[in-house]
Amino acid sequence: MGYDVNTIFQIAGIGIVVAMIHTVLKQMGKEDWAHWVTLIGFVVVLYMVATIVDNLFQKIKGVFLFQ
């Protein structure tokens, strides 16, 4: 596949940053904001993974349907 380790590092970096922001906001007593930050981080990572899976399915489709 054309993907290298950079994508894994990007997802891990987003996870670490979101976890740090979540912890800081929770310590400040703003738990609602902390949950929103976690949800937004999850949506961003989900979009990245969905894009990768879509590319994978396109390649599989191209191989088996000779497109």
PDB file of N, CA and C in Angstrom:
ATOM      1  N   MET A   1       0.845  -1.172   0.000  1.00  0.00           N
ATOM      2  CA  MET A   1       0.000   0.000   0.000  1.00  0.00           C
ATOM      3  C   MET A   1       0.892   1.238   0.000  1.00  0.00           C
ATOM      4  N   GLY A   2       0.324   2.339  -0.395  1.00  0.00           N
ATOM      5  CA  GLY A   2       1.073   3.571  -0.504  1.00  0.00           C
ATOM      6  C   GLY A   2       1.155   4.354   0.796  1.00  0.00           C
ATOM      7  N   TYR A   3       0.706   3.769   1.882  1.00  0.00           N
ATOM      8  CA  TYR A   3       0.698   4.486   3.154  1.00  0.00           C
ATOM      9  C   TYR A   3       1.929   4.121   3.947  1.00  0.00           C
ATOM     10  N   ASP A   4       2.480   5.110   4.583  1.00  0.00           N
ATOM     11  CA  ASP A   4       3.630   4.849   5.409  1.00  0.00           C
ATOM     12  C   ASP A   4       3.256   5.086   6.869  1.00  0.00           C
ATOM     13  N   VAL A   5       4.247   5.157   7.684  1.00  0.00           N
ATOM     14  CA  VAL A   5       4.046   5.253   9.119  1.00  0.00           C
ATOM     15  C   VAL A   5       3.528   6.634   9.540  1.00  0.00           C
ATOM     16  N   ASN A   6       3.617   7.628   8.658  1.00  0.00           N
ATOM     17  CA  ASN A   6       3.197   8.981   9.012  1.00  0.00           C
ATOM     18  C   ASN A   6       1.735   9.057   9.433  1.00  0.00           C
ATOM     19  N   THR A   7       0.877   8.294   8.785  1.00  0.00           N
ATOM     20  CA  THR A   7      -0.536   8.306   9.131  1.00  0.00           C
ATOM     21  C   THR A   7      -0.757   7.781  10.545  1.00  0.00           C
ATOM     22  N   ILE A   8      -0.035   6.738  10.905  1.00  0.00           N
ATOM     23  CA  ILE A   8      -0.149   6.183  12.259  1.00  0.00           C
ATOM     24  C   ILE A   8       0.327   7.210  13.277  1.00  0.00           C
ATOM     25  N   PHE A   9       1.422   7.890  12.969  1.00  0.00           N
ATOM     26  CA  PHE A   9       1.925   8.913  13.881  1.00  0.00           C
ATOM     27  C   PHE A   9       0.967  10.098  13.990  1.00  0.00           C
ATOM     28  N   GLN A  10       0.313  10.459  12.892  1.00  0.00           N
ATOM     29  CA  GLN A  10      -0.669  11.545  12.949  1.00  0.00           C
ATOM     30  C   GLN A  10      -1.831  11.180  13.856  1.00  0.00           C
ATOM     31  N   ILE A  11      -2.343   9.958  13.723  1.00  0.00           N
ATOM     32  CA  ILE A  11      -3.458   9.519  14.560  1.00  0.00           C
ATOM     33  C   ILE A  11      -3.027   9.452  16.026  1.00  0.00           C
ATOM     34  N   ALA A  12      -1.828   8.941  16.273  1.00  0.00           N
ATOM     35  CA  ALA A  12      -1.328   8.882  17.652  1.00  0.00           C
ATOM     36  C   ALA A  12      -1.127  10.283  18.223  1.00  0.00           C
ATOM     37  N   GLY A  13      -0.625  11.193  17.408  1.00  0.00           N
ATOM     38  CA  GLY A  13      -0.426  12.571  17.866  1.00  0.00           C
ATOM     39  C   GLY A  13      -1.735  13.251  18.202  1.00  0.00           C
ATOM     40  N   ILE A  14      -2.746  13.039  17.375  1.00  0.00           N
ATOM     41  CA  ILE A  14      -4.064  13.612  17.665  1.00  0.00           C
ATOM     42  C   ILE A  14      -4.593  13.042  18.972  1.00  0.00           C
ATOM     43  N   GLY A  15      -4.411  11.744  19.173  1.00  0.00           N
ATOM     44  CA  GLY A  15      -4.867  11.112  20.413  1.00  0.00           C
ATOM     45  C   GLY A  15      -4.175  11.674  21.644  1.00  0.00           C
ATOM     46  N   ILE A  16      -2.876  11.897  21.550  1.00  0.00           N
ATOM     47  CA  ILE A  16      -2.130  12.441  22.698  1.00  0.00           C
ATOM     48  C   ILE A  16      -2.558  13.872  22.998  1.00  0.00           C
ATOM     49  N   VAL A  17      -2.687  14.696  21.960  1.00  0.00           N
ATOM     50  CA  VAL A  17      -3.089  16.095  22.162  1.00  0.00           C
ATOM     51  C   VAL A  17      -4.503  16.169  22.740  1.00  0.00           C
ATOM     52  N   VAL A  18      -5.412  15.354  22.213  1.00  0.00           N
ATOM     53  CA  VAL A  18      -6.785  15.357  22.723  1.00  0.00           C
ATOM     54  C   VAL A  18      -6.814  14.895  24.176  1.00  0.00           C
ATOM     55  N   ALA A  19      -6.027  13.883  24.501  1.00  0.00           N
ATOM     56  CA  ALA A  19      -5.986  13.405  25.886  1.00  0.00           C
ATOM     57  C   ALA A  19      -5.455  14.481  26.836  1.00  0.00           C
ATOM     58  N   MET A  20      -4.436  15.211  26.404  1.00  0.00           N
ATOM     59  CA  MET A  20      -3.889  16.276  27.256  1.00  0.00           C
ATOM     60  C   MET A  20      -4.907  17.395  27.447  1.00  0.00           C
ATOM     61  N   ILE A  21      -5.554  17.823  26.368  1.00  0.00           N
ATOM     62  CA  ILE A  21      -6.557  18.888  26.477  1.00  0.00           C
ATOM     63  C   ILE A  21      -7.723  18.428  27.341  1.00  0.00           C
ATOM     64  N   HIS A  22      -8.135  17.169  27.172  1.00  0.00           N
ATOM     65  CA  HIS A  22      -9.223  16.625  27.979  1.00  0.00           C
ATOM     66  C   HIS A  22      -8.870  16.659  29.470  1.00  0.00           C
ATOM     67  N   THR A  23      -7.656  16.253  29.790  1.00  0.00           N
ATOM     68  CA  THR A  23      -7.222  16.239  31.186  1.00  0.00           C
ATOM     69  C   THR A  23      -7.182  17.641  31.770  1.00  0.00           C
ATOM     70  N   VAL A  24      -6.641  18.590  31.014  1.00  0.00           N
ATOM     71  CA  VAL A  24      -6.555  19.970  31.509  1.00  0.00           C
ATOM     72  C   VAL A  24      -7.946  20.547  31.740  1.00  0.00           C
ATOM     73  N   LEU A  25      -8.836  20.354  30.764  1.00  0.00           N
ATOM     74  CA  LEU A  25     -10.188  20.893  30.912  1.00  0.00           C
ATOM     75  C   LEU A  25     -10.941  20.229  32.061  1.00  0.00           C
ATOM     76  N   LYS A  26     -10.712  18.944  32.248  1.00  0.00           N
ATOM     77  CA  LYS A  26     -11.390  18.251  33.348  1.00  0.00           C
ATOM     78  C   LYS A  26     -10.870  18.746  34.697  1.00  0.00           C
ATOM     79  N   GLN A  27      -9.581  19.033  34.797  1.00  0.00           N
ATOM     80  CA  GLN A  27      -9.015  19.563  36.038  1.00  0.00           C
ATOM     81  C   GLN A  27      -9.536  20.967  36.329  1.00  0.00           C
ATOM     82  N   MET A  28      -9.857  21.713  35.270  1.00  0.00           N
ATOM     83  CA  MET A  28     -10.397  23.060  35.447  1.00  0.00           C
ATOM     84  C   MET A  28     -11.885  23.045  35.787  1.00  0.00           C
ATOM     85  N   GLY A  29     -12.495  21.855  35.733  1.00  0.00           N
ATOM     86  CA  GLY A  29     -13.905  21.755  36.056  1.00  0.00           C
ATOM     87  C   GLY A  29     -14.825  21.949  34.869  1.00  0.00           C
ATOM     88  N   LYS A  30     -14.276  21.950  33.692  1.00  0.00           N
ATOM     89  CA  LYS A  30     -15.079  22.142  32.480  1.00  0.00           C
ATOM     90  C   LYS A  30     -15.225  20.793  31.771  1.00  0.00           C
ATOM     91  N   GLU A  31     -15.966  19.895  32.401  1.00  0.00           N
ATOM     92  CA  GLU A  31     -16.094  18.538  31.877  1.00  0.00           C
ATOM     93  C   GLU A  31     -16.886  18.492  30.575  1.00  0.00           C
ATOM     94  N   ASP A  32     -17.850  19.394  30.421  1.00  0.00           N
ATOM     95  CA  ASP A  32     -18.615  19.418  29.176  1.00  0.00           C
ATOM     96  C   ASP A  32     -17.707  19.724  27.986  1.00  0.00           C
ATOM     97  N   TRP A  33     -16.846  20.731  28.142  1.00  0.00           N
ATOM     98  CA  TRP A  33     -15.911  21.074  27.070  1.00  0.00           C
ATOM     99  C   TRP A  33     -14.940  19.934  26.820  1.00  0.00           C
ATOM    100  N   ALA A  34     -14.523  19.261  27.882  1.00  0.00           N
ATOM    101  CA  ALA A  34     -13.583  18.144  27.740  1.00  0.00           C
ATOM    102  C   ALA A  34     -14.203  17.028  26.899  1.00  0.00           C
ATOM    103  N   HIS A  35     -15.463  16.756  27.125  1.00  0.00           N
ATOM    104  CA  HIS A  35     -16.133  15.717  26.341  1.00  0.00           C
ATOM    105  C   HIS A  35     -16.289  16.140  24.881  1.00  0.00           C
ATOM    106  N   TRP A  36     -16.563  17.409  24.646  1.00  0.00           N
ATOM    107  CA  TRP A  36     -16.683  17.895  23.267  1.00  0.00           C
ATOM    108  C   TRP A  36     -15.350  17.793  22.531  1.00  0.00           C
ATOM    109  N   VAL A  37     -14.259  18.114  23.221  1.00  0.00           N
ATOM    110  CA  VAL A  37     -12.931  18.006  22.594  1.00  0.00           C
ATOM    111  C   VAL A  37     -12.641  16.558  22.227  1.00  0.00           C
ATOM    112  N   THR A  38     -12.985  15.642  23.117  1.00  0.00           N
ATOM    113  CA  THR A  38     -12.779  14.226  22.839  1.00  0.00           C
ATOM    114  C   THR A  38     -13.622  13.777  21.649  1.00  0.00           C
ATOM    115  N   LEU A  39     -14.854  14.220  21.593  1.00  0.00           N
ATOM    116  CA  LEU A  39     -15.734  13.854  20.490  1.00  0.00           C
ATOM    117  C   LEU A  39     -15.212  14.395  19.162  1.00  0.00           C
ATOM    118  N   ILE A  40     -14.754  15.630  19.151  1.00  0.00           N
ATOM    119  CA  ILE A  40     -14.221  16.228  17.924  1.00  0.00           C
ATOM    120  C   ILE A  40     -12.950  15.499  17.480  1.00  0.00           C
ATOM    121  N   GLY A  41     -12.082  15.155  18.423  1.00  0.00           N
ATOM    122  CA  GLY A  41     -10.887  14.382  18.093  1.00  0.00           C
ATOM    123  C   GLY A  41     -11.234  13.029  17.504  1.00  0.00           C
ATOM    124  N   PHE A  42     -12.258  12.395  18.070  1.00  0.00           N
ATOM    125  CA  PHE A  42     -12.702  11.105  17.552  1.00  0.00           C
ATOM    126  C   PHE A  42     -13.231  11.228  16.128  1.00  0.00           C
ATOM    127  N   VAL A  43     -13.989  12.281  15.857  1.00  0.00           N
ATOM    128  CA  VAL A  43     -14.542  12.484  14.510  1.00  0.00           C
ATOM    129  C   VAL A  43     -13.423  12.729  13.502  1.00  0.00           C
ATOM    130  N   VAL A  44     -12.412  13.490  13.888  1.00  0.00           N
ATOM    131  CA  VAL A  44     -11.287  13.760  12.976  1.00  0.00           C
ATOM    132  C   VAL A  44     -10.550  12.463  12.645  1.00  0.00           C
ATOM    133  N   VAL A  45     -10.265  11.658  13.656  1.00  0.00           N
ATOM    134  CA  VAL A  45      -9.570  10.391  13.423  1.00  0.00           C
ATOM    135  C   VAL A  45     -10.453   9.437  12.613  1.00  0.00           C
ATOM    136  N   LEU A  46     -11.743   9.428  12.899  1.00  0.00           N
ATOM    137  CA  LEU A  46     -12.661   8.577  12.150  1.00  0.00           C
ATOM    138  C   LEU A  46     -12.686   8.971  10.676  1.00  0.00           C
ATOM    139  N   TYR A  47     -12.652  10.261  10.387  1.00  0.00           N
ATOM    140  CA  TYR A  47     -12.608  10.737   8.999  1.00  0.00           C
ATOM    141  C   TYR A  47     -11.312  10.285   8.310  1.00  0.00           C
ATOM    142  N   MET A  48     -10.192  10.371   9.031  1.00  0.00           N
ATOM    143  CA  MET A  48      -8.920   9.934   8.453  1.00  0.00           C
ATOM    144  C   MET A  48      -8.955   8.451   8.125  1.00  0.00           C
ATOM    145  N   VAL A  49      -9.461   7.652   9.049  1.00  0.00           N
ATOM    146  CA  VAL A  49      -9.519   6.207   8.836  1.00  0.00           C
ATOM    147  C   VAL A  49     -10.509   5.871   7.720  1.00  0.00           C
ATOM    148  N   ALA A  50     -11.632   6.571   7.669  1.00  0.00           N
ATOM    149  CA  ALA A  50     -12.620   6.316   6.617  1.00  0.00           C
ATOM    150  C   ALA A  50     -12.032   6.617   5.243  1.00  0.00           C
ATOM    151  N   THR A  51     -11.229   7.644   5.133  1.00  0.00           N
ATOM    152  CA  THR A  51     -10.573   7.971   3.867  1.00  0.00           C
ATOM    153  C   THR A  51      -9.608   6.862   3.455  1.00  0.00           C
ATOM    154  N   ILE A  52      -8.859   6.352   4.404  1.00  0.00           N
ATOM    155  CA  ILE A  52      -7.908   5.278   4.111  1.00  0.00           C
ATOM    156  C   ILE A  52      -8.650   4.005   3.691  1.00  0.00           C
ATOM    157  N   VAL A  53      -9.725   3.685   4.394  1.00  0.00           N
ATOM    158  CA  VAL A  53     -10.501   2.489   4.052  1.00  0.00           C
ATOM    159  C   VAL A  53     -11.155   2.647   2.677  1.00  0.00           C
ATOM    160  N   ASP A  54     -11.628   3.853   2.359  1.00  0.00           N
ATOM    161  CA  ASP A  54     -12.200   4.092   1.038  1.00  0.00           C
ATOM    162  C   ASP A  54     -11.164   3.874  -0.056  1.00  0.00           C
ATOM    163  N   ASN A  55      -9.955   4.376   0.152  1.00  0.00           N
ATOM    164  CA  ASN A  55      -8.889   4.151  -0.829  1.00  0.00           C
ATOM    165  C   ASN A  55      -8.579   2.665  -0.974  1.00  0.00           C
ATOM    166  N   LEU A  56      -8.591   1.942   0.136  1.00  0.00           N
ATOM    167  CA  LEU A  56      -8.351   0.506   0.094  1.00  0.00           C
ATOM    168  C   LEU A  56      -9.424  -0.204  -0.731  1.00  0.00           C
ATOM    169  N   PHE A  57     -10.689   0.135  -0.495  1.00  0.00           N
ATOM    170  CA  PHE A  57     -11.761  -0.503  -1.253  1.00  0.00           C
ATOM    171  C   PHE A  57     -11.695  -0.150  -2.736  1.00  0.00           C
ATOM    172  N   GLN A  58     -11.282   1.069  -3.056  1.00  0.00           N
ATOM    173  CA  GLN A  58     -11.131   1.449  -4.461  1.00  0.00           C
ATOM    174  C   GLN A  58     -10.035   0.621  -5.129  1.00  0.00           C
ATOM    175  N   LYS A  59      -8.944   0.378  -4.418  1.00  0.00           N
ATOM    176  CA  LYS A  59      -7.866  -0.442  -4.976  1.00  0.00           C
ATOM    177  C   LYS A  59      -8.316  -1.891  -5.143  1.00  0.00           C
ATOM    178  N   ILE A  60      -9.049  -2.418  -4.164  1.00  0.00           N
ATOM    179  CA  ILE A  60      -9.557  -3.788  -4.270  1.00  0.00           C
ATOM    180  C   ILE A  60     -10.533  -3.894  -5.440  1.00  0.00           C
ATOM    181  N   LYS A  61     -11.387  -2.906  -5.562  1.00  0.00           N
ATOM    182  CA  LYS A  61     -12.334  -2.890  -6.679  1.00  0.00           C
ATOM    183  C   LYS A  61     -11.601  -2.845  -8.012  1.00  0.00           C
ATOM    184  N   GLY A  62     -10.564  -2.057  -8.098  1.00  0.00           N
ATOM    185  CA  GLY A  62      -9.784  -1.965  -9.319  1.00  0.00           C
ATOM    186  C   GLY A  62      -9.070  -3.259  -9.662  1.00  0.00           C
ATOM    187  N   VAL A  63      -8.639  -3.980  -8.645  1.00  0.00           N
ATOM    188  CA  VAL A  63      -7.941  -5.241  -8.901  1.00  0.00           C
ATOM    189  C   VAL A  63      -8.900  -6.315  -9.387  1.00  0.00           C
ATOM    190  N   PHE A  64     -10.032  -6.444  -8.735  1.00  0.00           N
ATOM    191  CA  PHE A  64     -10.936  -7.534  -9.077  1.00  0.00           C
ATOM    192  C   PHE A  64     -11.883  -7.216 -10.238  1.00  0.00           C
ATOM    193  N   LEU A  65     -12.097  -5.960 -10.539  1.00  0.00           N
ATOM    194  CA  LEU A  65     -12.983  -5.603 -11.646  1.00  0.00           C
ATOM    195  C   LEU A  65     -12.200  -5.105 -12.847  1.00  0.00           C
ATOM    196  N   PHE A  66     -10.867  -5.114 -12.759  1.00  0.00           N
ATOM    197  CA  PHE A  66      -9.974  -4.736 -13.846  1.00  0.00           C
ATOM    198  C   PHE A  66     -10.280  -3.332 -14.370  1.00  0.00           C
ATOM    199  N   GLN A  67     -10.381  -2.384 -13.464  1.00  0.00           N
ATOM    200  CA  GLN A  67     -10.646  -1.005 -13.862  1.00  0.00           C
ATOM    201  C   GLN A  67      -9.386  -0.184 -13.788  1.00  0.00           C
TER     202      GLN A  67
END
